[in-house]
């Protein structure tokens, strides 16, 4: 967490958080955007939190950003992809927002087990977990980008 940037543009942050949301626009005005991200995100009204979560692609979706594609890997097992699609629909119907998880280069079959477990949680637990995962993803993307530029 040390070595976090003191200033990032809206475009930089949109790449880390998968879109130009109101959260990203507010964050870009901060002196320590990634250091402030968790506190800002959890203080936002729920519609803005949901907007930030829903900017992320669905796990296993056929079209994702290049960075999400690298993170999710190339696993193409039709049974896994079909079950991910089914559980994503159930999750969104139950909670009203997208399932967000820090993939951390785990195979989709493993993420499927995470989704199966998380769908049993309460909405409050999942909102809190999804927001935490969103921050973890952005921090990992920033660190990966920093390491690649060396």
N, C-alpha and C. Protein backbone atom coordinates (compact mmCIF):
# COMPACT_ATOMS: atom_id res chain seq x y z
N UNK A 1 0.81 -1.19 0.00
CA UNK A 1 0.00 0.00 0.00
C UNK A 1 0.85 1.26 0.00
N UNK A 2 2.07 1.18 0.52
CA UNK A 2 2.94 2.35 0.41
C UNK A 2 3.18 2.57 -1.07
N UNK A 3 3.71 3.51 -1.59
CA UNK A 3 3.91 3.75 -3.02
C UNK A 3 2.62 3.99 -3.79
N UNK A 4 1.52 4.38 -3.12
CA UNK A 4 0.32 4.71 -3.85
C UNK A 4 0.51 6.09 -4.46
N UNK A 5 -0.04 6.31 -5.65
CA UNK A 5 0.15 7.61 -6.31
C UNK A 5 -0.60 8.71 -5.57
N UNK A 6 -0.06 9.88 -5.65
CA UNK A 6 -0.70 11.03 -5.03
C UNK A 6 -1.69 11.70 -5.97
N UNK A 7 -1.63 11.42 -7.25
CA UNK A 7 -2.56 12.02 -8.19
C UNK A 7 -2.75 11.07 -9.37
N UNK A 8 -3.99 10.84 -9.73
CA UNK A 8 -4.32 10.06 -10.92
C UNK A 8 -5.44 10.79 -11.66
N UNK A 9 -5.43 10.69 -12.97
CA UNK A 9 -6.46 11.34 -13.77
C UNK A 9 -7.74 10.50 -13.75
N UNK A 10 -8.82 11.10 -14.22
CA UNK A 10 -10.07 10.37 -14.35
C UNK A 10 -9.87 9.16 -15.26
N UNK A 11 -9.13 9.33 -16.36
CA UNK A 11 -8.90 8.21 -17.27
C UNK A 11 -8.08 7.10 -16.61
N UNK A 12 -7.06 7.48 -15.83
CA UNK A 12 -6.28 6.47 -15.09
C UNK A 12 -7.19 5.67 -14.17
N UNK A 13 -8.01 6.38 -13.42
CA UNK A 13 -8.90 5.73 -12.45
C UNK A 13 -9.99 4.92 -13.14
N UNK A 14 -10.50 5.43 -14.26
CA UNK A 14 -11.51 4.68 -15.01
C UNK A 14 -10.96 3.34 -15.48
N UNK A 15 -9.69 3.30 -15.85
CA UNK A 15 -9.06 2.03 -16.25
C UNK A 15 -8.94 1.08 -15.06
N UNK A 16 -8.65 1.62 -13.90
CA UNK A 16 -8.50 0.77 -12.71
C UNK A 16 -9.84 0.27 -12.19
N UNK A 17 -10.89 1.08 -12.35
CA UNK A 17 -12.21 0.75 -11.80
C UNK A 17 -13.24 0.37 -12.87
N UNK A 18 -12.81 0.17 -14.12
CA UNK A 18 -13.67 -0.31 -15.21
C UNK A 18 -14.73 0.67 -15.69
N UNK A 19 -14.48 1.94 -15.56
CA UNK A 19 -15.44 2.88 -16.12
C UNK A 19 -15.42 4.22 -15.44
N UNK A 20 -15.94 5.19 -16.14
CA UNK A 20 -16.00 6.56 -15.63
C UNK A 20 -17.33 6.74 -14.90
N UNK A 21 -17.31 6.45 -13.64
CA UNK A 21 -18.50 6.57 -12.79
C UNK A 21 -18.40 7.84 -11.96
N UNK A 22 -19.48 8.15 -11.26
CA UNK A 22 -19.43 9.31 -10.36
C UNK A 22 -18.37 9.11 -9.28
N UNK A 23 -18.21 7.88 -8.82
CA UNK A 23 -17.17 7.56 -7.84
C UNK A 23 -15.79 7.90 -8.40
N UNK A 24 -15.50 7.48 -9.61
CA UNK A 24 -14.20 7.75 -10.24
C UNK A 24 -13.99 9.24 -10.41
N UNK A 25 -15.01 9.95 -10.81
CA UNK A 25 -14.87 11.39 -11.00
C UNK A 25 -14.59 12.09 -9.67
N UNK A 26 -15.26 11.66 -8.62
CA UNK A 26 -14.98 12.25 -7.29
C UNK A 26 -13.57 11.89 -6.83
N UNK A 27 -13.18 10.66 -7.07
CA UNK A 27 -11.87 10.18 -6.63
C UNK A 27 -10.73 10.93 -7.32
N UNK A 28 -10.93 11.29 -8.56
CA UNK A 28 -9.88 11.98 -9.32
C UNK A 28 -9.54 13.33 -8.70
N UNK A 29 -10.43 13.90 -7.95
CA UNK A 29 -10.16 15.18 -7.30
C UNK A 29 -9.39 15.06 -6.00
N UNK A 30 -9.12 13.86 -5.57
CA UNK A 30 -8.43 13.63 -4.31
C UNK A 30 -6.92 13.67 -4.50
N UNK A 31 -6.22 14.11 -3.47
CA UNK A 31 -4.77 14.14 -3.51
C UNK A 31 -4.16 12.73 -3.43
N UNK A 32 -4.85 11.82 -2.75
CA UNK A 32 -4.37 10.46 -2.57
C UNK A 32 -5.50 9.51 -2.99
N UNK A 33 -5.78 9.42 -4.29
CA UNK A 33 -7.00 8.74 -4.72
C UNK A 33 -7.10 7.28 -4.29
N UNK A 34 -6.07 6.50 -4.47
CA UNK A 34 -6.18 5.09 -4.09
C UNK A 34 -6.14 4.90 -2.58
N UNK A 35 -5.47 5.77 -1.89
CA UNK A 35 -5.47 5.73 -0.44
C UNK A 35 -6.82 6.12 0.15
N UNK A 36 -7.54 6.98 -0.57
CA UNK A 36 -8.86 7.46 -0.11
C UNK A 36 -10.02 6.65 -0.67
N UNK A 37 -9.75 5.75 -1.59
CA UNK A 37 -10.82 5.08 -2.34
C UNK A 37 -11.81 4.35 -1.45
N UNK A 38 -11.33 3.56 -0.50
CA UNK A 38 -12.23 2.76 0.34
C UNK A 38 -13.15 3.67 1.16
N UNK A 39 -12.57 4.68 1.80
CA UNK A 39 -13.38 5.58 2.63
C UNK A 39 -14.41 6.33 1.78
N UNK A 40 -14.00 6.81 0.62
CA UNK A 40 -14.93 7.53 -0.24
C UNK A 40 -16.04 6.60 -0.72
N UNK A 41 -15.67 5.43 -1.21
CA UNK A 41 -16.66 4.51 -1.76
C UNK A 41 -17.70 4.10 -0.73
N UNK A 42 -17.27 3.82 0.48
CA UNK A 42 -18.23 3.40 1.51
C UNK A 42 -19.08 4.55 2.03
N UNK A 43 -18.64 5.79 1.80
CA UNK A 43 -19.43 6.95 2.25
C UNK A 43 -20.44 7.43 1.21
N UNK A 44 -20.35 6.92 -0.01
CA UNK A 44 -21.24 7.37 -1.08
C UNK A 44 -22.66 6.85 -0.88
N UNK A 45 -23.63 7.55 -1.45
CA UNK A 45 -25.00 7.02 -1.43
C UNK A 45 -25.04 5.70 -2.21
N UNK A 46 -25.93 4.82 -1.81
CA UNK A 46 -25.98 3.50 -2.43
C UNK A 46 -26.09 3.53 -3.96
N UNK A 47 -26.87 4.42 -4.58
CA UNK A 47 -26.92 4.41 -6.05
C UNK A 47 -25.53 4.61 -6.69
N UNK A 48 -24.68 5.40 -6.08
CA UNK A 48 -23.34 5.60 -6.62
C UNK A 48 -22.45 4.38 -6.36
N UNK A 49 -22.66 3.71 -5.24
CA UNK A 49 -21.93 2.47 -4.97
C UNK A 49 -22.31 1.41 -6.01
N UNK A 50 -23.59 1.30 -6.28
CA UNK A 50 -24.06 0.31 -7.26
C UNK A 50 -23.55 0.63 -8.65
N UNK A 51 -23.51 1.90 -8.99
CA UNK A 51 -22.97 2.31 -10.29
C UNK A 51 -21.52 1.84 -10.42
N UNK A 52 -20.73 2.00 -9.36
CA UNK A 52 -19.33 1.57 -9.38
C UNK A 52 -19.24 0.05 -9.52
N UNK A 53 -20.05 -0.69 -8.80
CA UNK A 53 -20.04 -2.16 -8.92
C UNK A 53 -20.47 -2.60 -10.31
N UNK A 54 -21.52 -2.00 -10.83
CA UNK A 54 -22.08 -2.41 -12.10
C UNK A 54 -21.24 -2.01 -13.30
N UNK A 55 -20.23 -1.19 -13.08
CA UNK A 55 -19.30 -0.84 -14.17
C UNK A 55 -18.39 -2.03 -14.51
N UNK A 56 -18.24 -2.95 -13.58
CA UNK A 56 -17.39 -4.12 -13.80
C UNK A 56 -18.09 -5.13 -14.68
N UNK A 57 -17.33 -5.82 -15.53
CA UNK A 57 -17.95 -6.86 -16.36
C UNK A 57 -18.31 -8.08 -15.53
N UNK A 58 -19.26 -8.83 -16.01
CA UNK A 58 -19.62 -10.08 -15.34
C UNK A 58 -18.48 -11.08 -15.51
N UNK A 59 -18.25 -11.87 -14.49
CA UNK A 59 -17.27 -12.94 -14.57
C UNK A 59 -17.74 -13.93 -15.63
N UNK A 60 -16.85 -14.24 -16.58
CA UNK A 60 -17.18 -15.19 -17.63
C UNK A 60 -17.91 -14.60 -18.81
N UNK A 61 -18.15 -13.29 -18.80
CA UNK A 61 -18.84 -12.65 -19.93
C UNK A 61 -17.98 -12.77 -21.19
N UNK A 62 -18.63 -12.89 -22.35
CA UNK A 62 -17.86 -13.05 -23.58
C UNK A 62 -17.05 -11.80 -23.97
N UNK A 63 -17.55 -10.64 -23.58
CA UNK A 63 -16.84 -9.39 -23.93
C UNK A 63 -16.50 -8.65 -22.65
N UNK A 64 -15.20 -8.52 -22.41
CA UNK A 64 -14.71 -7.79 -21.25
C UNK A 64 -13.55 -6.92 -21.70
N UNK A 65 -13.13 -6.01 -20.85
CA UNK A 65 -11.99 -5.16 -21.17
C UNK A 65 -10.74 -6.04 -21.27
N UNK A 66 -9.72 -5.57 -21.98
CA UNK A 66 -8.48 -6.36 -22.08
C UNK A 66 -7.88 -6.71 -20.72
N UNK A 67 -7.93 -5.78 -19.78
CA UNK A 67 -7.36 -6.07 -18.46
C UNK A 67 -8.19 -7.12 -17.74
N UNK A 68 -9.51 -7.07 -17.84
CA UNK A 68 -10.35 -8.10 -17.23
C UNK A 68 -10.12 -9.46 -17.89
N UNK A 69 -9.93 -9.46 -19.19
CA UNK A 69 -9.67 -10.72 -19.90
C UNK A 69 -8.38 -11.37 -19.40
N UNK A 70 -7.34 -10.58 -19.18
CA UNK A 70 -6.09 -11.12 -18.64
C UNK A 70 -6.29 -11.67 -17.23
N UNK A 71 -7.03 -10.93 -16.42
CA UNK A 71 -7.27 -11.35 -15.04
C UNK A 71 -8.10 -12.62 -14.96
N UNK A 72 -9.09 -12.73 -15.84
CA UNK A 72 -10.00 -13.88 -15.80
C UNK A 72 -9.43 -15.11 -16.49
N UNK A 73 -8.39 -14.94 -17.28
CA UNK A 73 -7.79 -16.08 -17.94
C UNK A 73 -8.60 -16.55 -19.14
N UNK A 74 -8.13 -17.60 -19.75
CA UNK A 74 -8.73 -18.06 -20.99
C UNK A 74 -9.57 -19.31 -20.87
N UNK A 75 -9.90 -19.72 -19.66
CA UNK A 75 -10.69 -20.93 -19.47
C UNK A 75 -12.01 -20.82 -20.23
N UNK A 76 -12.30 -21.80 -21.05
CA UNK A 76 -13.49 -21.74 -21.90
C UNK A 76 -14.40 -22.95 -21.75
N UNK A 77 -14.34 -23.63 -20.63
CA UNK A 77 -15.20 -24.79 -20.39
C UNK A 77 -16.66 -24.34 -20.47
N UNK A 78 -17.41 -24.85 -21.45
CA UNK A 78 -18.80 -24.41 -21.61
C UNK A 78 -19.66 -24.65 -20.36
N UNK A 79 -19.40 -25.72 -19.63
CA UNK A 79 -20.19 -26.00 -18.43
C UNK A 79 -19.93 -24.93 -17.37
N UNK A 80 -18.66 -24.55 -17.19
CA UNK A 80 -18.31 -23.51 -16.21
C UNK A 80 -18.90 -22.17 -16.64
N UNK A 81 -18.73 -21.83 -17.91
CA UNK A 81 -19.25 -20.55 -18.40
C UNK A 81 -20.77 -20.49 -18.30
N UNK A 82 -21.44 -21.58 -18.60
CA UNK A 82 -22.89 -21.62 -18.49
C UNK A 82 -23.36 -21.46 -17.06
N UNK A 83 -22.67 -22.13 -16.14
CA UNK A 83 -23.04 -22.01 -14.72
C UNK A 83 -22.74 -20.62 -14.19
N UNK A 84 -21.62 -20.03 -14.62
CA UNK A 84 -21.32 -18.64 -14.22
C UNK A 84 -22.42 -17.70 -14.70
N UNK A 85 -22.84 -17.86 -15.94
CA UNK A 85 -23.90 -17.00 -16.49
C UNK A 85 -25.19 -17.17 -15.69
N UNK A 86 -25.54 -18.41 -15.38
CA UNK A 86 -26.77 -18.68 -14.62
C UNK A 86 -26.69 -18.06 -13.22
N UNK A 87 -25.56 -18.28 -12.54
CA UNK A 87 -25.43 -17.76 -11.17
C UNK A 87 -25.29 -16.23 -11.16
N UNK A 88 -24.67 -15.66 -12.18
CA UNK A 88 -24.62 -14.20 -12.27
C UNK A 88 -26.03 -13.63 -12.34
N UNK A 89 -26.89 -14.25 -13.13
CA UNK A 89 -28.29 -13.78 -13.25
C UNK A 89 -29.01 -13.90 -11.90
N UNK A 90 -28.83 -15.04 -11.22
CA UNK A 90 -29.46 -15.23 -9.91
C UNK A 90 -28.95 -14.22 -8.89
N UNK A 91 -27.65 -14.01 -8.90
CA UNK A 91 -27.02 -13.06 -7.97
C UNK A 91 -27.58 -11.67 -8.19
N UNK A 92 -27.61 -11.23 -9.44
CA UNK A 92 -28.10 -9.88 -9.74
C UNK A 92 -29.58 -9.74 -9.41
N UNK A 93 -30.36 -10.78 -9.63
CA UNK A 93 -31.78 -10.73 -9.28
C UNK A 93 -31.96 -10.65 -7.76
N UNK A 94 -31.14 -11.36 -7.03
CA UNK A 94 -31.26 -11.36 -5.57
C UNK A 94 -30.76 -10.06 -4.95
N UNK A 95 -29.62 -9.56 -5.40
CA UNK A 95 -28.98 -8.43 -4.73
C UNK A 95 -29.20 -7.09 -5.42
N UNK A 96 -29.48 -7.09 -6.70
CA UNK A 96 -29.69 -5.83 -7.41
C UNK A 96 -28.42 -5.15 -7.88
N UNK A 97 -27.33 -5.89 -7.90
CA UNK A 97 -26.05 -5.37 -8.42
C UNK A 97 -25.19 -6.54 -8.86
N UNK A 98 -24.15 -6.20 -9.57
CA UNK A 98 -23.27 -7.19 -10.18
C UNK A 98 -22.34 -7.85 -9.15
N UNK A 99 -22.08 -9.13 -9.35
CA UNK A 99 -21.09 -9.87 -8.56
C UNK A 99 -19.70 -9.38 -8.94
N UNK A 100 -18.97 -8.87 -7.96
CA UNK A 100 -17.60 -8.40 -8.18
C UNK A 100 -16.69 -9.17 -7.24
N UNK A 101 -15.63 -9.73 -7.81
CA UNK A 101 -14.68 -10.51 -7.03
C UNK A 101 -13.27 -10.24 -7.56
N UNK A 102 -12.33 -10.19 -6.64
CA UNK A 102 -10.92 -10.05 -7.01
C UNK A 102 -10.47 -11.42 -7.49
N UNK A 103 -10.40 -11.59 -8.78
CA UNK A 103 -10.09 -12.89 -9.39
C UNK A 103 -8.68 -13.34 -9.01
N UNK A 104 -7.74 -12.40 -9.02
CA UNK A 104 -6.36 -12.71 -8.65
C UNK A 104 -5.83 -13.89 -9.43
N UNK A 105 -6.18 -13.93 -10.73
CA UNK A 105 -5.69 -14.93 -11.67
C UNK A 105 -6.12 -16.36 -11.33
N UNK A 106 -7.18 -16.50 -10.54
CA UNK A 106 -7.72 -17.83 -10.25
C UNK A 106 -8.56 -18.29 -11.44
N UNK A 107 -8.63 -19.58 -11.68
CA UNK A 107 -9.46 -20.08 -12.79
C UNK A 107 -10.94 -19.83 -12.51
N UNK A 108 -11.70 -19.75 -13.58
CA UNK A 108 -13.13 -19.47 -13.45
C UNK A 108 -13.86 -20.55 -12.65
N UNK A 109 -13.39 -21.79 -12.72
CA UNK A 109 -14.03 -22.85 -11.93
C UNK A 109 -13.92 -22.55 -10.44
N UNK A 110 -12.82 -21.98 -10.02
CA UNK A 110 -12.66 -21.60 -8.61
C UNK A 110 -13.55 -20.42 -8.27
N UNK A 111 -13.65 -19.47 -9.18
CA UNK A 111 -14.52 -18.30 -8.97
C UNK A 111 -15.98 -18.75 -8.90
N UNK A 112 -16.32 -19.78 -9.65
CA UNK A 112 -17.67 -20.33 -9.59
C UNK A 112 -18.01 -20.77 -8.17
N UNK A 113 -17.07 -21.40 -7.49
CA UNK A 113 -17.30 -21.82 -6.10
C UNK A 113 -17.47 -20.61 -5.18
N UNK A 114 -16.70 -19.56 -5.44
CA UNK A 114 -16.84 -18.33 -4.64
C UNK A 114 -18.24 -17.73 -4.84
N UNK A 115 -18.69 -17.68 -6.08
CA UNK A 115 -20.02 -17.15 -6.39
C UNK A 115 -21.10 -18.00 -5.73
N UNK A 116 -20.95 -19.31 -5.77
CA UNK A 116 -21.93 -20.20 -5.13
C UNK A 116 -22.03 -19.91 -3.63
N UNK A 117 -20.90 -19.66 -3.00
CA UNK A 117 -20.91 -19.37 -1.56
C UNK A 117 -21.48 -17.99 -1.27
N UNK A 118 -21.09 -17.00 -2.07
CA UNK A 118 -21.51 -15.63 -1.78
C UNK A 118 -22.99 -15.40 -2.05
N UNK A 119 -23.58 -16.16 -2.93
CA UNK A 119 -25.01 -15.96 -3.24
C UNK A 119 -25.89 -16.30 -2.04
N UNK A 120 -25.33 -16.98 -1.05
CA UNK A 120 -26.09 -17.32 0.16
C UNK A 120 -26.05 -16.21 1.21
N UNK A 121 -25.24 -15.17 0.99
CA UNK A 121 -25.10 -14.08 1.96
C UNK A 121 -26.31 -13.14 1.93
N UNK A 122 -26.31 -12.23 2.89
CA UNK A 122 -27.32 -11.18 2.89
C UNK A 122 -26.90 -10.08 1.92
N UNK A 123 -27.85 -9.25 1.55
CA UNK A 123 -27.55 -8.14 0.65
C UNK A 123 -26.51 -7.21 1.26
N UNK A 124 -26.65 -6.92 2.54
CA UNK A 124 -25.70 -6.01 3.21
C UNK A 124 -24.29 -6.59 3.20
N UNK A 125 -24.17 -7.89 3.47
CA UNK A 125 -22.86 -8.54 3.43
C UNK A 125 -22.27 -8.45 2.02
N UNK A 126 -23.10 -8.71 1.03
CA UNK A 126 -22.60 -8.70 -0.35
C UNK A 126 -22.25 -7.31 -0.85
N UNK A 127 -23.01 -6.32 -0.45
CA UNK A 127 -22.66 -4.95 -0.85
C UNK A 127 -21.30 -4.59 -0.26
N UNK A 128 -21.11 -4.85 1.00
CA UNK A 128 -19.83 -4.57 1.67
C UNK A 128 -18.69 -5.37 1.02
N UNK A 129 -18.92 -6.65 0.76
CA UNK A 129 -17.90 -7.49 0.14
C UNK A 129 -17.57 -7.02 -1.26
N UNK A 130 -18.60 -6.72 -2.04
CA UNK A 130 -18.38 -6.25 -3.41
C UNK A 130 -17.57 -4.97 -3.46
N UNK A 131 -17.86 -4.03 -2.56
CA UNK A 131 -17.10 -2.78 -2.52
C UNK A 131 -15.65 -3.03 -2.12
N UNK A 132 -15.44 -3.93 -1.16
CA UNK A 132 -14.06 -4.28 -0.78
C UNK A 132 -13.31 -4.92 -1.95
N UNK A 133 -13.99 -5.81 -2.65
CA UNK A 133 -13.36 -6.48 -3.79
C UNK A 133 -13.02 -5.48 -4.90
N UNK A 134 -13.89 -4.51 -5.11
CA UNK A 134 -13.66 -3.47 -6.11
C UNK A 134 -12.36 -2.72 -5.82
N UNK A 135 -12.13 -2.39 -4.56
CA UNK A 135 -10.90 -1.70 -4.16
C UNK A 135 -9.69 -2.61 -4.37
N UNK A 136 -9.79 -3.88 -3.96
CA UNK A 136 -8.68 -4.82 -4.14
C UNK A 136 -8.29 -4.96 -5.61
N UNK A 137 -9.28 -5.02 -6.48
CA UNK A 137 -9.02 -5.13 -7.92
C UNK A 137 -8.23 -3.91 -8.40
N UNK A 138 -8.70 -2.73 -8.04
CA UNK A 138 -8.05 -1.49 -8.49
C UNK A 138 -6.62 -1.40 -7.97
N UNK A 139 -6.40 -1.74 -6.71
CA UNK A 139 -5.05 -1.70 -6.15
C UNK A 139 -4.13 -2.69 -6.86
N UNK A 140 -4.64 -3.88 -7.13
CA UNK A 140 -3.84 -4.87 -7.85
C UNK A 140 -3.52 -4.40 -9.27
N UNK A 141 -4.49 -3.82 -9.93
CA UNK A 141 -4.26 -3.31 -11.28
C UNK A 141 -3.21 -2.20 -11.28
N UNK A 142 -3.30 -1.32 -10.29
CA UNK A 142 -2.31 -0.25 -10.20
C UNK A 142 -0.91 -0.82 -9.98
N UNK A 143 -0.79 -1.76 -9.04
CA UNK A 143 0.52 -2.37 -8.75
C UNK A 143 1.04 -3.12 -9.97
N UNK A 144 0.18 -3.86 -10.66
CA UNK A 144 0.61 -4.60 -11.86
C UNK A 144 1.08 -3.65 -12.94
N UNK A 145 0.34 -2.57 -13.14
CA UNK A 145 0.71 -1.58 -14.15
C UNK A 145 2.05 -0.94 -13.80
N UNK A 146 2.23 -0.66 -12.51
CA UNK A 146 3.48 -0.06 -12.05
C UNK A 146 4.66 -1.01 -12.29
N UNK A 147 4.48 -2.28 -12.01
CA UNK A 147 5.55 -3.26 -12.20
C UNK A 147 5.86 -3.44 -13.69
N UNK A 148 4.84 -3.40 -14.55
CA UNK A 148 5.05 -3.55 -15.99
C UNK A 148 5.80 -2.36 -16.58
N UNK A 149 5.67 -1.20 -15.98
CA UNK A 149 6.32 0.00 -16.52
C UNK A 149 7.78 0.10 -16.09
N UNK A 150 8.22 -0.79 -15.24
CA UNK A 150 9.63 -0.75 -14.79
C UNK A 150 10.55 -1.37 -15.79
